[in-house]
C-alpha atoms as a PDB file:
ATOM      1  CA  MET A   1      -2.994  12.967  22.553  1.00  0.00           C
ATOM      2  CA  LEU A   2      -0.759  15.725  23.829  1.00  0.00           C
ATOM      3  CA  ASP A   3      -2.143  18.711  25.593  1.00  0.00           C
ATOM      4  CA  PRO A   4      -1.050  22.138  24.239  1.00  0.00           C
ATOM      5  CA  ASN A   5       1.743  22.562  26.801  1.00  0.00           C
ATOM      6  CA  GLU A   6       3.234  19.137  26.068  1.00  0.00           C
ATOM      7  CA  LYS A   7       2.945  19.777  22.338  1.00  0.00           C
ATOM      8  CA  TYR A   8       4.803  23.071  22.751  1.00  0.00           C
ATOM      9  CA  VAL A   9       7.590  21.367  24.733  1.00  0.00           C
ATOM     10  CA  PHE A  10       7.832  18.520  22.212  1.00  0.00           C
ATOM     11  CA  ASP A  11       7.978  20.936  19.255  1.00  0.00           C
ATOM     12  CA  GLY A  12      10.716  22.880  21.031  1.00  0.00           C
ATOM     13  CA  MET A  13      12.767  19.715  21.603  1.00  0.00           C
ATOM     14  CA  VAL A  14      12.431  18.674  17.954  1.00  0.00           C
ATOM     15  CA  MET A  15      13.353  22.165  16.724  1.00  0.00           C
ATOM     16  CA  HIS A  16      16.416  22.120  18.993  1.00  0.00           C
ATOM     17  CA  LEU A  17      17.424  18.686  17.678  1.00  0.00           C
ATOM     18  CA  ARG A  18      16.958  19.834  14.080  1.00  0.00           C
ATOM     19  CA  ALA A  19      19.184  22.850  14.672  1.00  0.00           C
ATOM     20  CA  ALA A  20      21.852  20.927  16.590  1.00  0.00           C
ATOM     21  CA  ASP A  21      22.020  17.754  14.481  1.00  0.00           C
ATOM     22  CA  PRO A  22      21.733  18.078  10.689  1.00  0.00           C
ATOM     23  CA  ALA A  23      21.907  14.280  10.272  1.00  0.00           C
ATOM     24  CA  PHE A  24      18.807  13.940  12.471  1.00  0.00           C
ATOM     25  CA  GLU A  25      17.013  16.479  10.314  1.00  0.00           C
ATOM     26  CA  ARG A  26      17.872  14.555   7.128  1.00  0.00           C
ATOM     27  CA  ARG A  27      16.641  11.282   8.648  1.00  0.00           C
ATOM     28  CA  LEU A  28      13.432  12.919   9.836  1.00  0.00           C
ATOM     29  CA  ASP A  29      12.813  14.493   6.424  1.00  0.00           C
ATOM     30  CA  ARG A  30      13.415  11.114   4.749  1.00  0.00           C
ATOM     31  CA  LEU A  31      10.583   9.674   6.830  1.00  0.00           C
ATOM     32  CA  VAL A  32       8.231  12.407   5.706  1.00  0.00           C
ATOM     33  CA  HIS A  33       9.030  12.604   1.995  1.00  0.00           C
ATOM     34  CA  PRO A  34       9.025   9.539  -0.231  1.00  0.00           C
ATOM     35  CA  ARG A  35      12.235   8.753  -2.000  1.00  0.00           C
ATOM     36  CA  ARG A  36      12.484  10.139  -5.499  1.00  0.00           C
ATOM     37  CA  ARG A  37      14.943   7.453  -6.559  1.00  0.00           C
ATOM     38  CA  LEU A  38      12.392   4.747  -5.797  1.00  0.00           C
ATOM     39  CA  ARG A  39       9.720   6.532  -7.835  1.00  0.00           C
ATOM     40  CA  VAL A  40      12.083   6.946 -10.790  1.00  0.00           C
ATOM     41  CA  ALA A  41      13.061   3.259 -10.682  1.00  0.00           C
ATOM     42  CA  LEU A  42       9.406   2.215 -10.574  1.00  0.00           C
ATOM     43  CA  ALA A  43       8.560   4.518 -13.502  1.00  0.00           C
ATOM     44  CA  VAL A  44      11.424   3.093 -15.589  1.00  0.00           C
ATOM     45  CA  LEU A  45      10.302  -0.447 -14.752  1.00  0.00           C
ATOM     46  CA  LEU A  46       6.745   0.355 -15.825  1.00  0.00           C
ATOM     47  CA  TRP A  47       7.954   1.917 -19.073  1.00  0.00           C
ATOM     48  CA  THR A  48      10.086  -1.132 -19.898  1.00  0.00           C
ATOM     49  CA  LEU A  49       7.039  -3.358 -19.431  1.00  0.00           C
ATOM     50  CA  VAL A  50       4.978  -1.313 -21.897  1.00  0.00           C
ATOM     51  CA  PRO A  51       6.377  -2.904 -25.110  1.00  0.00           C
ATOM     52  CA  VAL A  52       6.102  -6.391 -23.594  1.00  0.00           C
ATOM     53  CA  CYS A  53       2.456  -5.793 -22.705  1.00  0.00           C
ATOM     54  CA  ILE A  54       1.699  -4.481 -26.196  1.00  0.00           C
ATOM     55  CA  LEU A  55       3.429  -7.383 -27.979  1.00  0.00           C
ATOM     56  CA  LEU A  56       2.146 -10.215 -25.834  1.00  0.00           C
ATOM     57  CA  GLY A  57      -1.114  -8.950 -24.415  1.00  0.00           C
ATOM     58  CA  GLY A  58      -3.316  -8.044 -27.350  1.00  0.00           C
ATOM     59  CA  TRP A  59      -5.945  -5.415 -26.618  1.00  0.00           C
ATOM     60  CA  THR A  60      -5.744  -6.126 -22.874  1.00  0.00           C
ATOM     61  CA  GLY A  61      -1.989  -5.627 -23.032  1.00  0.00           C
ATOM     62  CA  LEU A  62      -2.543  -2.333 -24.837  1.00  0.00           C
ATOM     63  CA  LEU A  63      -4.835  -1.204 -22.029  1.00  0.00           C
ATOM     64  CA  LEU A  64      -2.287  -2.269 -19.410  1.00  0.00           C
ATOM     65  CA  ALA A  65       0.474  -0.514 -21.372  1.00  0.00           C
ATOM     66  CA  MET A  66      -1.525   2.716 -21.395  1.00  0.00           C
ATOM     67  CA  LEU A  67      -2.112   2.458 -17.655  1.00  0.00           C
ATOM     68  CA  ALA A  68       1.557   1.638 -16.959  1.00  0.00           C
ATOM     69  CA  SER A  69       2.868   4.514 -19.061  1.00  0.00           C
ATOM     70  CA  GLY A  70       0.396   6.939 -17.497  1.00  0.00           C
ATOM     71  CA  TYR A  71       1.275   5.905 -13.967  1.00  0.00           C
ATOM     72  CA  GLY A  72       4.987   6.071 -14.820  1.00  0.00           C
ATOM     73  CA  ALA A  73       4.483   9.638 -16.057  1.00  0.00           C
ATOM     74  CA  HIS A  74       2.571  10.436 -12.863  1.00  0.00           C
ATOM     75  CA  LEU A  75       5.427   9.087 -10.744  1.00  0.00           C
ATOM     76  CA  MET A  76       7.995  11.157 -12.637  1.00  0.00           C
ATOM     77  CA  THR A  77       6.070  14.420 -12.402  1.00  0.00           C
ATOM     78  CA  ARG A  78       5.065  14.010  -8.777  1.00  0.00           C
ATOM     79  CA  ARG A  79       6.743  16.360  -6.363  1.00  0.00           C
ATOM     80  CA  THR A  80       8.222  15.355  -3.046  1.00  0.00           C
ATOM     81  CA  GLY A  81       5.660  17.321  -1.098  1.00  0.00           C
ATOM     82  CA  PRO A  82       5.100  20.790   0.285  1.00  0.00           C
ATOM     83  CA  ALA A  83       7.949  22.627   1.904  1.00  0.00           C
ATOM     84  CA  ARG A  84       7.989  22.697   5.675  1.00  0.00           C
ATOM     85  CA  PRO A  85       6.247  25.845   6.884  1.00  0.00           C
ATOM     86  CA  ALA A  86       8.206  28.226   9.056  1.00  0.00           C
ATOM     87  CA  GLY A  87       7.905  27.210  12.671  1.00  0.00           C
ATOM     88  CA  GLY A  88       5.848  24.140  11.849  1.00  0.00           C
ATOM     89  CA  PHE A  89       6.409  20.530  10.980  1.00  0.00           C
ATOM     90  CA  SER A  90       5.028  18.740   7.975  1.00  0.00           C
ATOM     91  CA  TRP A  91       4.578  15.547  10.002  1.00  0.00           C
ATOM     92  CA  TRP A  92       2.601  17.173  12.807  1.00  0.00           C
ATOM     93  CA  SER A  93      -1.154  17.228  12.468  1.00  0.00           C
ATOM     94  CA  SER A  94      -2.495  20.539  13.683  1.00  0.00           C
ATOM     95  CA  SER A  95      -6.109  19.467  13.471  1.00  0.00           C
ATOM     96  CA  PRO A  96      -7.406  17.674  16.578  1.00  0.00           C
ATOM     97  CA  ARG A  97      -8.916  14.232  16.140  1.00  0.00           C
ATOM     98  CA  ARG A  98     -12.540  13.745  16.865  1.00  0.00           C
ATOM     99  CA  PRO A  99     -13.251  11.084  19.485  1.00  0.00           C
ATOM    100  CA  SER A 100     -15.308   9.051  17.012  1.00  0.00           C
ATOM    101  CA  ALA A 101     -12.670   9.160  14.253  1.00  0.00           C
ATOM    102  CA  PRO A 102     -10.870   5.861  13.584  1.00  0.00           C
ATOM    103  CA  PHE A 103      -7.149   5.737  14.218  1.00  0.00           C
END
């Protein structure tokens, strides 16, 4: 765990790297936010399985089709995440860990 001075220095280095290297910032943001293309592909795959489940699965297939279509809709409507706050990082946890908390 970093002490406050080390955290301040580290945040300053990352902010400097973000400002100086836009490619670094894109790579760092890709680590934080899940890829939308992957979610869309998974939703389309789930929706293509819906008719197969209904035709071949009976009432269990109908239940699975409802779950697959609902989760596909959830994946399509899900946002990438909150915008990065000014002066802060979305990947940095500002709350200190308790000593008894599991890692």
